[in-house]
Structure formats: C-alpha cells, structure tokens
Amino acid sequence: MAARPVPAGWRVAWMATEWVKVPDDQLAALKKLRGKLGRLPTGLTAKNKATLRRFDDPRLLELLIGLPDRLWRVALGKLSTSKMAFVDVQTALAIDILLHAPMRVENLASLKFGEHLYWPRGRGRSALIVVRGDETKNDEPLEFELPVTLSERLHRYWHELAAGIIGKQPDLLFVSAKGLPRTLTSVSRAIQTTIRRHLGVHMTPHQFRHLAAKIHLDSHPGAYEVVRQLLGHKSLRTTTSFYAGPDTRRAGRAHADLIRRLRSPTIERLRRRSVIEH
C-alpha cells in the first residue's frame, strides 16, 4: 500500500515503535527541549557492567558455558518421572542457543521448526537459525550456524523427546507438556532462575548479547565489525557506543602481552650471558 503524502509544514519522526507526523513548530520545540537534557548516556548500564565483571573470572565463565551440557544430561534422566524435566530440557537448549546465537529473547522464545530452525544438510550436520528482518527489533535479518552437538540435540528434542511428551512434533521450540506455546516471560524466567540456582548470578537472556561481545572483544580487541554482525546491529556506531569503553583495558592487556613477548628474548640473552660470565 502506498504511503500517504506528508502535509506541507510537517516532518516525519520516529517515536517509540512507529512513525508519526509532527508539525515543524512542534518538532522545533521538541528539539529545544531535548537539547536541555544534555548528552544521552552511552555504553552499558552499571548493572550490565557489574554482571559482565563477574565473568572476568574464567571459572565462572567455564561453568556457564558448560551449564547446558549438565542441564541436558540431568533432565534426560528425569524426563520420564518429572514434569519439570521437560522445561529443563528446553532451558538447556535455550542457554546453549544464546551462547552460540545471542539473539534477543523475543526472537528466541518464538523460534519455530521449519520456519526459523533448519537442517539444510540433514541430521548430523549443523542446523541454521534464520530470522527474517521483519521479525527483529531493528529490521535486520539474522542467520546463525549452530554447532553439530547443539544441532543434534535440537533434532532429537523435536523428533523424539517433545513428540514423546505431547504426542506429536511441536511447531514451536518452547511448548508446555500439553503442546501449548510457552510465553516469553516463562522462557525468560526459567533461564534466569536456572543460572541463579547453578551459578549464583542474576543474568537475563538479553545479557547474553553483552557477554558475547565481551568474550569476542576480550580475545580480539577492536573487532567491532564482527560483534556488530554477531548481534545484528544495523550500525557500527551502535556497537562501539556500547562496547568501546572496556577496550582501554583490553588494549592495555594486549600491549602488556606484546611487551612481555618482546622482552622475553632480551631476558633470555641476558640469562645466557650471565651463565657464560660465571
């Protein structure tokens, strides 16, 4: 359907989640008011920074990365005797997906087999998660290739585990034991509760996006373009505004490592000279 013409003296402005038409005088007044507010804060919130600092501890990060495996094994052992085990199986899959494909929880909770989840090369190979641009917050499409282990678990869940519980293969990844769609709140709460119980950390599904950026930038300081693509940001400016701050420390760490490597041959030569002289 063709867009309606904008009346003379009006401008189109983005407000909340839709475009609205604003007269010039009102737009000028809004800009003046916005100017009085000062510069909007950039970067992560204090709460997000505090959560990410917890994962500077490599042991905690290792526990989180290994959590889906532990949840999966325990839940499988209880699937025939516990109703909660079916939720735990899904939570194990949810956390594993967020670790490998850090999408927004709205997209995670609405994943459908055959529409978002595919096995283009068949079982035993990597599955794909594909989300259309009109399904994401910023209209940017997403596509992730999942590791084989996670892909196989998703296939088994769809064809065997969920089918055995609800009597048929579900269309959605996250369903109740009766086959009804689980809500976004239910999926999100299960993830948070599970992480708090096993790791003692309050972590939201959205913070997996920040953690993914941290993990990559810690290993590759300055690699913002990769992070932009991973998180599906439309603009590199968005990525750097969130994650450039901690790079001072990352750059310092990389520089210290460079100095250490440059210094090592010098120290070795001095050590050998000392041995010869004595």
Protein backbone atom coordinates (compact mmCIF):
# COMPACT_ATOMS: atom_id res chain seq x y z
CA MET A 1 0.00 0.00 0.00
CA ALA A 2 1.42 3.39 -0.99
CA ALA A 3 2.41 5.75 1.80
CA ARG A 4 0.16 8.73 2.36
CA PRO A 5 1.68 12.12 1.45
CA VAL A 6 3.06 14.22 4.30
CA PRO A 7 1.27 17.59 4.61
CA ALA A 8 3.33 20.72 3.98
CA GLY A 9 4.97 22.03 7.12
CA TRP A 10 5.19 18.58 8.70
CA ARG A 11 8.11 16.26 9.28
CA VAL A 12 8.19 12.52 9.85
CA ALA A 13 9.77 11.48 13.14
CA TRP A 14 10.40 8.11 14.76
CA MET A 15 8.56 7.84 18.06
CA ALA A 16 8.67 4.65 20.15
CA THR A 17 7.82 1.88 17.69
CA GLU A 18 6.09 3.72 14.82
CA TRP A 19 6.44 6.71 12.55
CA VAL A 20 4.33 9.75 13.41
CA LYS A 21 3.88 13.11 11.66
CA VAL A 22 4.96 16.18 13.61
CA PRO A 23 4.38 19.83 12.60
CA ASP A 24 7.56 21.90 12.21
CA ASP A 25 6.85 24.13 15.21
CA GLN A 26 6.26 21.15 17.49
CA LEU A 27 9.37 19.40 16.18
CA ALA A 28 11.44 22.53 16.89
CA ALA A 29 10.05 22.68 20.42
CA LEU A 30 10.89 19.01 20.98
CA LYS A 31 14.45 19.53 19.72
CA LYS A 32 14.87 22.52 22.04
CA LEU A 33 13.63 20.50 24.99
CA ARG A 34 15.91 17.60 24.06
CA GLY A 35 18.87 20.00 23.95
CA LYS A 36 18.28 20.92 27.58
CA LEU A 37 18.58 17.30 28.64
CA GLY A 38 22.27 17.11 27.74
CA ARG A 39 24.04 14.20 26.17
CA LEU A 40 22.37 10.84 26.48
CA PRO A 41 24.48 8.26 28.31
CA THR A 42 26.26 5.73 26.12
CA GLY A 43 27.69 2.36 26.88
CA LEU A 44 26.40 -0.36 29.16
CA THR A 45 24.41 0.32 32.30
CA ALA A 46 26.08 -0.10 35.68
CA LYS A 47 24.02 -3.26 36.24
CA ASN A 48 25.17 -4.79 32.96
CA LYS A 49 28.79 -3.87 33.67
CA ALA A 50 28.57 -5.46 37.12
CA THR A 51 27.20 -8.68 35.62
CA LEU A 52 29.90 -8.83 32.96
CA ARG A 53 32.64 -8.23 35.53
CA ARG A 54 31.58 -11.43 37.24
CA PHE A 55 32.63 -13.29 34.10
CA ASP A 56 36.16 -11.92 34.27
CA ASP A 57 36.54 -14.99 36.48
CA PRO A 58 37.38 -17.74 33.95
CA ARG A 59 36.00 -20.40 36.29
CA LEU A 60 32.56 -18.79 36.32
CA LEU A 61 32.60 -18.37 32.55
CA GLU A 62 33.55 -22.03 32.20
CA LEU A 63 30.63 -23.02 34.45
CA LEU A 64 28.20 -21.02 32.33
CA ILE A 65 29.49 -22.46 29.06
CA GLY A 66 29.26 -25.98 30.49
CA LEU A 67 25.81 -25.44 32.03
CA PRO A 68 23.74 -26.59 29.00
CA ASP A 69 25.56 -29.95 28.96
CA ARG A 70 24.92 -30.54 32.65
CA LEU A 71 21.28 -29.48 32.44
CA TRP A 72 20.69 -31.67 29.39
CA ARG A 73 22.13 -34.83 30.98
CA VAL A 74 20.27 -34.41 34.28
CA ALA A 75 16.97 -33.52 32.60
CA LEU A 76 17.11 -36.53 30.29
CA GLY A 77 17.48 -38.80 33.30
CA LYS A 78 14.33 -37.36 34.88
CA LEU A 79 12.18 -36.88 31.78
CA SER A 80 10.00 -39.92 32.43
CA THR A 81 9.37 -39.10 36.10
CA SER A 82 9.35 -35.30 36.40
CA LYS A 83 7.19 -32.73 34.62
CA MET A 84 9.81 -30.05 35.28
CA ALA A 85 12.42 -32.06 33.38
CA PHE A 86 10.69 -31.16 30.10
CA VAL A 87 11.14 -27.46 30.95
CA ASP A 88 14.75 -28.12 31.97
CA VAL A 89 15.46 -29.75 28.60
CA GLN A 90 14.16 -26.64 26.87
CA THR A 91 16.14 -24.36 29.20
CA ALA A 92 19.33 -26.28 28.39
CA LEU A 93 18.63 -25.71 24.69
CA ALA A 94 17.77 -22.04 25.28
CA ILE A 95 21.02 -21.28 27.13
CA ASP A 96 23.06 -23.16 24.54
CA ILE A 97 21.40 -21.22 21.72
CA LEU A 98 22.05 -17.90 23.47
CA LEU A 99 25.72 -18.80 23.94
CA HIS A 100 26.14 -19.52 20.23
CA ALA A 101 23.49 -17.25 18.71
CA PRO A 102 22.98 -14.25 21.04
CA MET A 103 19.62 -13.11 19.71
CA ARG A 104 17.02 -11.06 21.54
CA VAL A 105 14.76 -13.09 23.80
CA GLU A 106 11.68 -12.13 21.76
CA ASN A 107 13.14 -13.98 18.78
CA LEU A 108 14.41 -16.87 20.90
CA ALA A 109 11.03 -17.52 22.51
CA SER A 110 9.23 -17.57 19.15
CA LEU A 111 11.55 -19.97 17.28
CA LYS A 112 9.68 -22.40 15.04
CA PHE A 113 10.92 -25.61 13.50
CA GLY A 114 10.90 -25.44 9.73
CA GLU A 115 10.44 -21.67 9.76
CA HIS A 116 13.41 -20.49 11.83
CA LEU A 117 15.23 -23.77 12.51
CA TYR A 118 16.53 -25.80 9.55
CA TRP A 119 18.86 -28.71 8.87
CA PRO A 120 19.83 -27.85 5.29
CA ARG A 121 22.37 -30.68 5.06
CA GLY A 122 20.37 -33.20 7.05
CA ARG A 123 20.64 -34.69 10.51
CA GLY A 124 24.13 -34.97 11.91
CA ARG A 125 25.16 -31.65 10.35
CA SER A 126 24.90 -28.05 11.53
CA ALA A 127 21.43 -26.58 11.87
CA LEU A 128 20.66 -23.00 10.88
CA ILE A 129 18.66 -20.38 12.72
CA VAL A 130 17.20 -17.87 10.28
CA VAL A 131 15.12 -14.89 11.44
CA ARG A 132 13.61 -12.53 8.89
CA GLY A 133 14.23 -8.80 9.09
CA ASP A 134 10.55 -8.07 9.71
CA GLU A 135 10.77 -10.23 12.85
CA THR A 136 13.63 -8.37 14.54
CA LYS A 137 13.66 -5.16 16.55
CA ASN A 138 15.74 -3.22 14.02
CA ASP A 139 14.57 -4.98 10.82
CA GLU A 140 17.96 -6.66 10.39
CA PRO A 141 17.75 -10.36 9.40
CA LEU A 142 19.70 -12.88 11.45
CA GLU A 143 21.34 -16.13 10.42
CA PHE A 144 23.35 -18.39 12.71
CA GLU A 145 25.00 -21.74 12.07
CA LEU A 146 24.82 -23.91 15.18
CA PRO A 147 27.45 -26.45 16.26
CA VAL A 148 26.73 -30.09 15.49
CA THR A 149 26.19 -31.14 19.12
CA LEU A 150 23.53 -28.50 19.72
CA SER A 151 22.00 -29.20 16.30
CA GLU A 152 21.67 -32.89 17.13
CA ARG A 153 20.06 -32.11 20.49
CA LEU A 154 17.53 -29.84 18.83
CA HIS A 155 16.73 -32.54 16.26
CA ARG A 156 16.33 -35.19 18.95
CA TYR A 157 14.17 -32.88 21.03
CA TRP A 158 11.87 -32.14 18.08
CA HIS A 159 11.54 -35.68 16.72
CA GLU A 160 11.78 -37.78 19.90
CA LEU A 161 11.63 -36.02 23.26
CA ALA A 162 8.92 -33.41 22.67
CA ALA A 163 6.98 -35.75 20.40
CA GLY A 164 7.01 -38.37 23.16
CA ILE A 165 5.70 -35.90 25.75
CA ILE A 166 2.98 -34.10 23.81
CA GLY A 167 2.16 -36.82 21.29
CA LYS A 168 3.38 -35.03 18.17
CA GLN A 169 6.25 -32.97 16.84
CA PRO A 170 5.73 -29.38 18.02
CA ASP A 171 5.87 -26.43 15.68
CA LEU A 172 7.45 -24.20 18.33
CA LEU A 173 10.63 -24.92 20.24
CA PHE A 174 9.20 -23.75 23.56
CA VAL A 175 5.94 -25.51 24.41
CA SER A 176 4.23 -26.85 27.51
CA ALA A 177 3.70 -30.56 28.15
CA LYS A 178 0.26 -30.08 26.57
CA GLY A 179 1.79 -28.66 23.42
CA LEU A 180 0.72 -25.07 24.08
CA PRO A 181 3.14 -22.20 23.37
CA ARG A 182 5.10 -21.02 26.39
CA THR A 183 5.15 -17.28 26.96
CA LEU A 184 8.22 -15.10 26.59
CA THR A 185 8.04 -14.42 30.33
CA SER A 186 8.03 -18.14 31.11
CA VAL A 187 11.05 -18.86 28.92
CA SER A 188 12.95 -15.84 30.26
CA ARG A 189 12.19 -16.64 33.89
CA ALA A 190 13.32 -20.25 33.50
CA ILE A 191 16.67 -19.12 32.08
CA GLN A 192 17.26 -16.60 34.87
CA THR A 193 16.19 -18.97 37.63
CA THR A 194 18.40 -21.77 36.31
CA ILE A 195 21.50 -19.58 36.06
CA ARG A 196 20.94 -18.15 39.53
CA ARG A 197 20.50 -21.64 41.00
CA HIS A 198 23.60 -23.13 39.39
CA LEU A 199 25.97 -20.14 39.21
CA GLY A 200 24.66 -17.74 41.87
CA VAL A 201 24.49 -14.97 39.25
CA HIS A 202 21.47 -12.91 38.22
CA MET A 203 21.64 -12.88 34.44
CA THR A 204 18.90 -12.02 31.96
CA PRO A 205 18.64 -13.56 28.47
CA HIS A 206 19.46 -10.15 26.96
CA GLN A 207 22.76 -10.03 28.86
CA PHE A 208 23.96 -12.98 26.79
CA ARG A 209 24.30 -10.44 23.97
CA HIS A 210 26.62 -8.30 26.09
CA LEU A 211 28.53 -11.39 27.21
CA ALA A 212 29.01 -12.50 23.59
CA ALA A 213 30.52 -9.10 22.79
CA LYS A 214 32.77 -9.29 25.85
CA ILE A 215 34.02 -12.79 25.05
CA HIS A 216 34.88 -11.88 21.47
CA LEU A 217 36.43 -8.50 22.22
CA ASP A 218 38.47 -9.93 25.10
CA SER A 219 40.10 -12.28 22.59
CA HIS A 220 40.09 -9.82 19.68
CA PRO A 221 40.29 -6.21 20.92
CA GLY A 222 38.82 -3.78 18.42
CA ALA A 223 36.92 -6.40 16.40
CA TYR A 224 33.71 -4.37 16.45
CA GLU A 225 32.57 -5.31 12.96
CA VAL A 226 32.41 -8.99 13.87
CA VAL A 227 30.47 -8.12 17.01
CA ARG A 228 28.14 -5.88 15.00
CA GLN A 229 27.32 -8.75 12.67
CA LEU A 230 27.02 -11.25 15.52
CA LEU A 231 24.50 -9.08 17.38
CA GLY A 232 22.68 -7.91 14.27
CA HIS A 233 23.28 -4.20 14.85
CA LYS A 234 22.33 -2.04 11.91
CA SER A 235 25.12 0.46 12.59
CA LEU A 236 28.72 0.00 13.73
CA ARG A 237 28.18 3.15 15.80
CA THR A 238 25.65 1.26 17.91
CA THR A 239 28.19 -1.47 18.59
CA THR A 240 31.03 0.88 19.52
CA SER A 241 28.77 3.07 21.69
CA PHE A 242 28.02 0.04 23.85
CA TYR A 243 31.34 -1.78 23.93
CA ALA A 244 34.19 0.65 23.18
CA GLY A 245 34.56 1.70 26.81
CA PRO A 246 36.15 -1.51 28.15
CA ASP A 247 38.60 -1.60 25.23
CA THR A 248 41.01 0.69 27.07
CA ARG A 249 41.70 -2.16 29.45
CA ARG A 250 41.68 -4.72 26.62
CA ALA A 251 44.16 -2.64 24.63
CA GLY A 252 46.36 -2.28 27.69
CA ARG A 253 46.27 -6.02 28.25
CA ALA A 254 47.19 -6.70 24.62
CA HIS A 255 50.01 -4.14 24.78
CA ALA A 256 51.37 -5.64 28.01
CA ASP A 257 51.37 -9.06 26.36
CA LEU A 258 53.26 -7.62 23.39
CA ILE A 259 55.88 -6.07 25.69
CA ARG A 260 56.22 -9.39 27.51
CA ARG A 261 56.84 -11.23 24.24
CA LEU A 262 59.34 -8.60 23.07
CA ARG A 263 61.10 -8.65 26.41
CA SER A 264 61.45 -12.44 26.56
CA PRO A 265 64.31 -12.73 24.02
CA THR A 266 66.19 -9.92 25.79
CA ILE A 267 65.84 -11.63 29.16
CA GLU A 268 66.94 -14.92 27.65
CA ARG A 269 70.09 -13.31 26.16
CA LEU A 270 70.94 -11.70 29.50
CA ARG A 271 70.47 -15.03 31.26
CA ARG A 272 72.80 -16.79 28.83
CA ARG A 273 75.41 -14.03 29.14
CA SER A 274 75.26 -14.32 32.92
CA VAL A 275 75.84 -18.10 32.74
CA ILE A 276 78.84 -17.64 30.41
CA GLU A 277 80.42 -14.95 32.55
CA HIS A 278 80.15 -17.06 35.68
